[in-house]
């Protein structure tokens, strides 16, 4: 059963979120402060975290930052009353995957939970090899020519999705939807910037890419090795 950790110090909101998740047949774990949530995350290994930002003992921002610093890659859905653009950007920049503003629509919250779980599902390949590059998506490790490559979480997610659709053209809008999800601020140029970063790290000649190819006016496609 899919396990969701809900971290919220408002009893009414915590009950509403937990009850609706249970109704959707999720296994729900709850915490009302950041330190307890950190311990539960280590013990329970949830598939998704729903995280309030204004928490006692350790704020949601501190908790998310700590998890990402420890390379914990569980999807994080921030649920908060702090709806200013700067707050949303900060939350996403420190490693949150989506952002819901209070007061919220329960059906929308459940839809966002399902979307995040789909994007993190194990249906995508756990490893990828092409050229002199080897990528382990579960461990977030990439090696090229025997040397480790530093890649961001979004670069791993983007490469994994492109590779899952090998030889198929993927539009920029689809990449925004599948990789960035329901985040509000990314634009199509965000995709282009991340693709350029991937090429710089993975392609022998980023200006004439072999694997991550541009389909002009449409988007991109991943072309695997054509070895006999």
Protein backbone atom coordinates (compact mmCIF):
# COMPACT_ATOMS: atom_id res chain seq x y z
CA UNK A 1 0.00 0.00 0.00
CA UNK A 2 1.26 3.47 -0.90
CA UNK A 3 2.44 5.29 2.22
CA UNK A 4 1.92 9.05 2.74
CA UNK A 5 3.43 11.07 5.59
CA UNK A 6 1.30 14.14 6.47
CA UNK A 7 3.02 16.82 8.56
CA UNK A 8 0.63 19.50 9.83
CA UNK A 9 0.21 21.17 13.24
CA UNK A 10 -3.39 22.35 12.69
CA UNK A 11 -5.57 19.48 14.03
CA UNK A 12 -8.52 20.24 11.73
CA UNK A 13 -6.42 20.39 8.57
CA UNK A 14 -4.43 17.32 9.60
CA UNK A 15 -7.64 15.34 10.13
CA UNK A 16 -9.13 16.52 6.81
CA UNK A 17 -6.05 15.62 4.78
CA UNK A 18 -5.46 12.30 6.55
CA UNK A 19 -9.11 11.21 6.31
CA UNK A 20 -9.30 11.97 2.60
CA UNK A 21 -6.04 10.16 1.91
CA UNK A 22 -7.31 7.13 3.81
CA UNK A 23 -10.54 7.28 1.83
CA UNK A 24 -8.35 7.05 -1.30
CA UNK A 25 -6.79 3.88 0.20
CA UNK A 26 -3.42 5.34 1.14
CA UNK A 27 -1.57 4.24 4.27
CA UNK A 28 -1.31 7.52 6.23
CA UNK A 29 1.28 8.46 8.86
CA UNK A 30 0.94 11.80 10.67
CA UNK A 31 3.20 14.19 12.54
CA UNK A 32 2.61 17.62 14.07
CA UNK A 33 6.21 18.90 14.20
CA UNK A 34 9.29 18.77 12.02
CA UNK A 35 11.57 16.77 14.29
CA UNK A 36 9.05 13.97 14.78
CA UNK A 37 8.39 13.96 11.03
CA UNK A 38 12.11 13.62 10.31
CA UNK A 39 12.31 10.51 12.52
CA UNK A 40 9.15 9.04 11.00
CA UNK A 41 10.49 9.59 7.49
CA UNK A 42 13.61 7.61 8.35
CA UNK A 43 11.62 4.82 10.02
CA UNK A 44 8.65 4.54 7.67
CA UNK A 45 10.17 5.46 4.26
CA UNK A 46 6.96 7.03 2.88
CA UNK A 47 6.23 7.24 -0.83
CA UNK A 48 5.08 10.87 -0.52
CA UNK A 49 5.25 13.68 2.05
CA UNK A 50 2.53 16.33 2.47
CA UNK A 51 4.31 19.13 4.33
CA UNK A 52 3.15 22.28 6.11
CA UNK A 53 5.81 25.01 6.27
CA UNK A 54 4.97 26.64 9.61
CA UNK A 55 5.80 23.81 12.02
CA UNK A 56 7.14 23.72 15.59
CA UNK A 57 10.55 22.24 16.48
CA UNK A 58 11.70 22.26 12.84
CA UNK A 59 10.04 24.27 10.08
CA UNK A 60 8.84 22.64 6.88
CA UNK A 61 11.49 24.52 4.92
CA UNK A 62 14.22 23.27 7.26
CA UNK A 63 12.90 19.72 7.06
CA UNK A 64 12.71 19.72 3.26
CA UNK A 65 16.19 21.21 3.00
CA UNK A 66 17.55 18.59 5.41
CA UNK A 67 15.99 15.69 3.51
CA UNK A 68 17.34 16.88 0.18
CA UNK A 69 20.80 17.48 1.66
CA UNK A 70 20.75 13.84 2.74
CA UNK A 71 19.69 12.84 -0.80
CA UNK A 72 16.24 11.67 0.32
CA UNK A 73 14.29 11.84 -2.95
CA UNK A 74 10.74 11.20 -1.73
CA UNK A 75 8.26 13.56 -3.47
CA UNK A 76 7.26 16.51 -1.25
CA UNK A 77 3.95 18.35 -1.62
CA UNK A 78 4.01 21.62 0.33
CA UNK A 79 0.68 22.61 1.89
CA UNK A 80 0.76 26.12 3.35
CA UNK A 81 -0.94 29.47 3.83
CA UNK A 82 2.21 31.23 2.59
CA UNK A 83 1.10 31.89 -0.97
CA UNK A 84 3.35 34.72 -2.11
CA UNK A 85 5.33 33.98 -5.26
CA UNK A 86 8.64 34.33 -3.39
CA UNK A 87 7.50 31.70 -0.88
CA UNK A 88 6.44 29.32 -3.65
CA UNK A 89 9.72 29.73 -5.47
CA UNK A 90 11.72 29.25 -2.26
CA UNK A 91 9.86 26.05 -1.42
CA UNK A 92 10.37 24.62 -4.89
CA UNK A 93 14.00 25.68 -5.02
CA UNK A 94 14.89 23.84 -1.81
CA UNK A 95 13.45 20.62 -3.19
CA UNK A 96 9.65 20.57 -2.90
CA UNK A 97 7.89 19.03 -5.90
CA UNK A 98 4.56 20.85 -5.75
CA UNK A 99 2.82 23.58 -3.79
CA UNK A 100 -0.82 23.88 -2.61
CA UNK A 101 -2.12 27.06 -0.97
CA UNK A 102 -4.51 27.05 1.99
CA UNK A 103 -7.48 27.17 1.92
CA UNK A 104 -7.42 24.37 -0.60
CA UNK A 105 -9.80 22.23 -2.62
CA UNK A 106 -9.73 18.61 -1.41
CA UNK A 107 -10.31 17.15 -4.92
CA UNK A 108 -7.43 19.27 -6.28
CA UNK A 109 -5.16 18.20 -3.42
CA UNK A 110 -5.94 14.53 -4.08
CA UNK A 111 -5.29 15.05 -7.81
CA UNK A 112 -1.90 16.57 -7.06
CA UNK A 113 -1.05 13.68 -4.74
CA UNK A 114 -1.91 11.20 -7.50
CA UNK A 115 0.11 13.17 -10.05
CA UNK A 116 3.21 13.22 -7.87
CA UNK A 117 2.94 9.51 -7.15
CA UNK A 118 2.55 8.75 -10.87
CA UNK A 119 5.65 10.77 -11.69
CA UNK A 120 7.69 8.97 -9.06
CA UNK A 121 6.37 5.49 -9.87
CA UNK A 122 8.74 2.62 -10.48
CA UNK A 123 7.36 2.09 -13.95
CA UNK A 124 10.23 4.12 -15.33
CA UNK A 125 13.60 2.44 -15.76
CA UNK A 126 15.84 2.47 -12.69
CA UNK A 127 19.05 2.64 -14.74
CA UNK A 128 20.13 3.93 -18.13
CA UNK A 129 23.26 3.37 -20.21
CA UNK A 130 24.17 5.17 -23.43
CA UNK A 131 27.52 6.02 -24.96
CA UNK A 132 29.98 6.26 -22.08
CA UNK A 133 27.25 7.38 -19.66
CA UNK A 134 25.71 5.26 -16.88
CA UNK A 135 22.83 6.61 -14.78
CA UNK A 136 21.25 5.14 -11.66
CA UNK A 137 18.00 7.04 -11.11
CA UNK A 138 17.19 5.50 -7.74
CA UNK A 139 20.55 6.42 -6.23
CA UNK A 140 20.77 9.65 -8.24
CA UNK A 141 24.23 8.75 -9.47
CA UNK A 142 25.56 9.51 -12.95
CA UNK A 143 28.93 8.52 -14.40
CA UNK A 144 30.47 9.48 -17.73
CA UNK A 145 33.70 7.91 -18.90
CA UNK A 146 34.24 6.51 -15.42
CA UNK A 147 33.92 9.92 -13.73
CA UNK A 148 31.03 11.05 -11.57
CA UNK A 149 28.76 13.78 -12.95
CA UNK A 150 26.94 16.27 -10.74
CA UNK A 151 23.28 16.45 -11.81
CA UNK A 152 20.29 18.15 -10.22
CA UNK A 153 17.10 16.35 -9.26
CA UNK A 154 15.24 17.98 -12.14
CA UNK A 155 17.97 16.93 -14.60
CA UNK A 156 17.63 13.31 -13.43
CA UNK A 157 13.83 13.51 -13.74
CA UNK A 158 13.99 15.13 -17.19
CA UNK A 159 16.46 12.59 -18.54
CA UNK A 160 14.47 9.70 -17.08
CA UNK A 161 11.25 10.83 -18.69
CA UNK A 162 12.85 11.48 -22.09
CA UNK A 163 14.52 8.07 -21.97
CA UNK A 164 11.19 6.41 -21.08
CA UNK A 165 9.82 7.72 -24.38
CA UNK A 166 12.86 6.83 -26.50
CA UNK A 167 12.63 7.83 -30.15
CA UNK A 168 9.31 9.59 -29.50
CA UNK A 169 9.02 13.36 -29.75
CA UNK A 170 8.05 14.95 -26.42
CA UNK A 171 6.74 18.51 -26.47
CA UNK A 172 7.95 21.18 -24.09
CA UNK A 173 4.46 21.44 -22.60
CA UNK A 174 4.38 17.70 -21.92
CA UNK A 175 7.77 17.88 -20.23
CA UNK A 176 6.56 20.76 -18.06
CA UNK A 177 3.50 18.74 -17.11
CA UNK A 178 5.26 15.43 -16.45
CA UNK A 179 8.55 16.63 -14.93
CA UNK A 180 7.60 19.93 -13.30
CA UNK A 181 4.00 18.93 -12.69
CA UNK A 182 1.61 21.48 -11.28
CA UNK A 183 4.27 23.99 -10.27
CA UNK A 184 3.06 27.40 -11.36
CA UNK A 185 6.14 29.27 -12.43
CA UNK A 186 8.14 27.14 -14.94
CA UNK A 187 7.99 28.31 -18.57
CA UNK A 188 8.94 26.49 -21.75
CA UNK A 189 12.36 28.16 -21.65
CA UNK A 190 12.90 26.31 -18.35
CA UNK A 191 12.86 23.06 -20.34
CA UNK A 192 15.35 24.44 -22.87
CA UNK A 193 17.69 25.55 -20.09
CA UNK A 194 17.63 22.14 -18.41
CA UNK A 195 18.12 20.31 -21.72
CA UNK A 196 21.15 22.51 -22.45
CA UNK A 197 22.52 21.62 -19.02
CA UNK A 198 22.05 17.91 -19.65
CA UNK A 199 23.76 18.10 -23.01
CA UNK A 200 26.73 19.94 -21.51
CA UNK A 201 27.16 17.13 -19.00
CA UNK A 202 26.29 14.08 -21.12
CA UNK A 203 27.00 14.76 -24.79
CA UNK A 204 30.45 14.56 -26.40
CA UNK A 205 29.56 17.64 -28.46
CA UNK A 206 26.69 19.59 -26.83
CA UNK A 207 26.32 21.75 -29.95
CA UNK A 208 25.69 18.64 -32.07
CA UNK A 209 23.94 16.26 -29.67
CA UNK A 210 23.70 12.55 -30.37
CA UNK A 211 21.25 11.43 -27.70
CA UNK A 212 19.08 14.37 -26.61
CA UNK A 213 17.94 15.73 -29.94
CA UNK A 214 15.88 18.80 -30.78
CA UNK A 215 12.78 18.47 -32.94
CA UNK A 216 12.44 22.05 -34.12
CA UNK A 217 9.16 23.72 -33.34
CA UNK A 218 7.98 20.75 -31.27
CA UNK A 219 10.29 19.61 -28.48
CA UNK A 220 12.89 16.93 -27.86
CA UNK A 221 13.50 13.22 -28.15
CA UNK A 222 15.97 10.77 -26.65
CA UNK A 223 17.72 8.57 -29.20
CA UNK A 224 19.46 5.54 -27.66
CA UNK A 225 22.59 3.82 -28.91
CA UNK A 226 22.23 1.99 -32.21
CA UNK A 227 24.78 -0.73 -31.59
CA UNK A 228 24.38 -4.10 -33.32
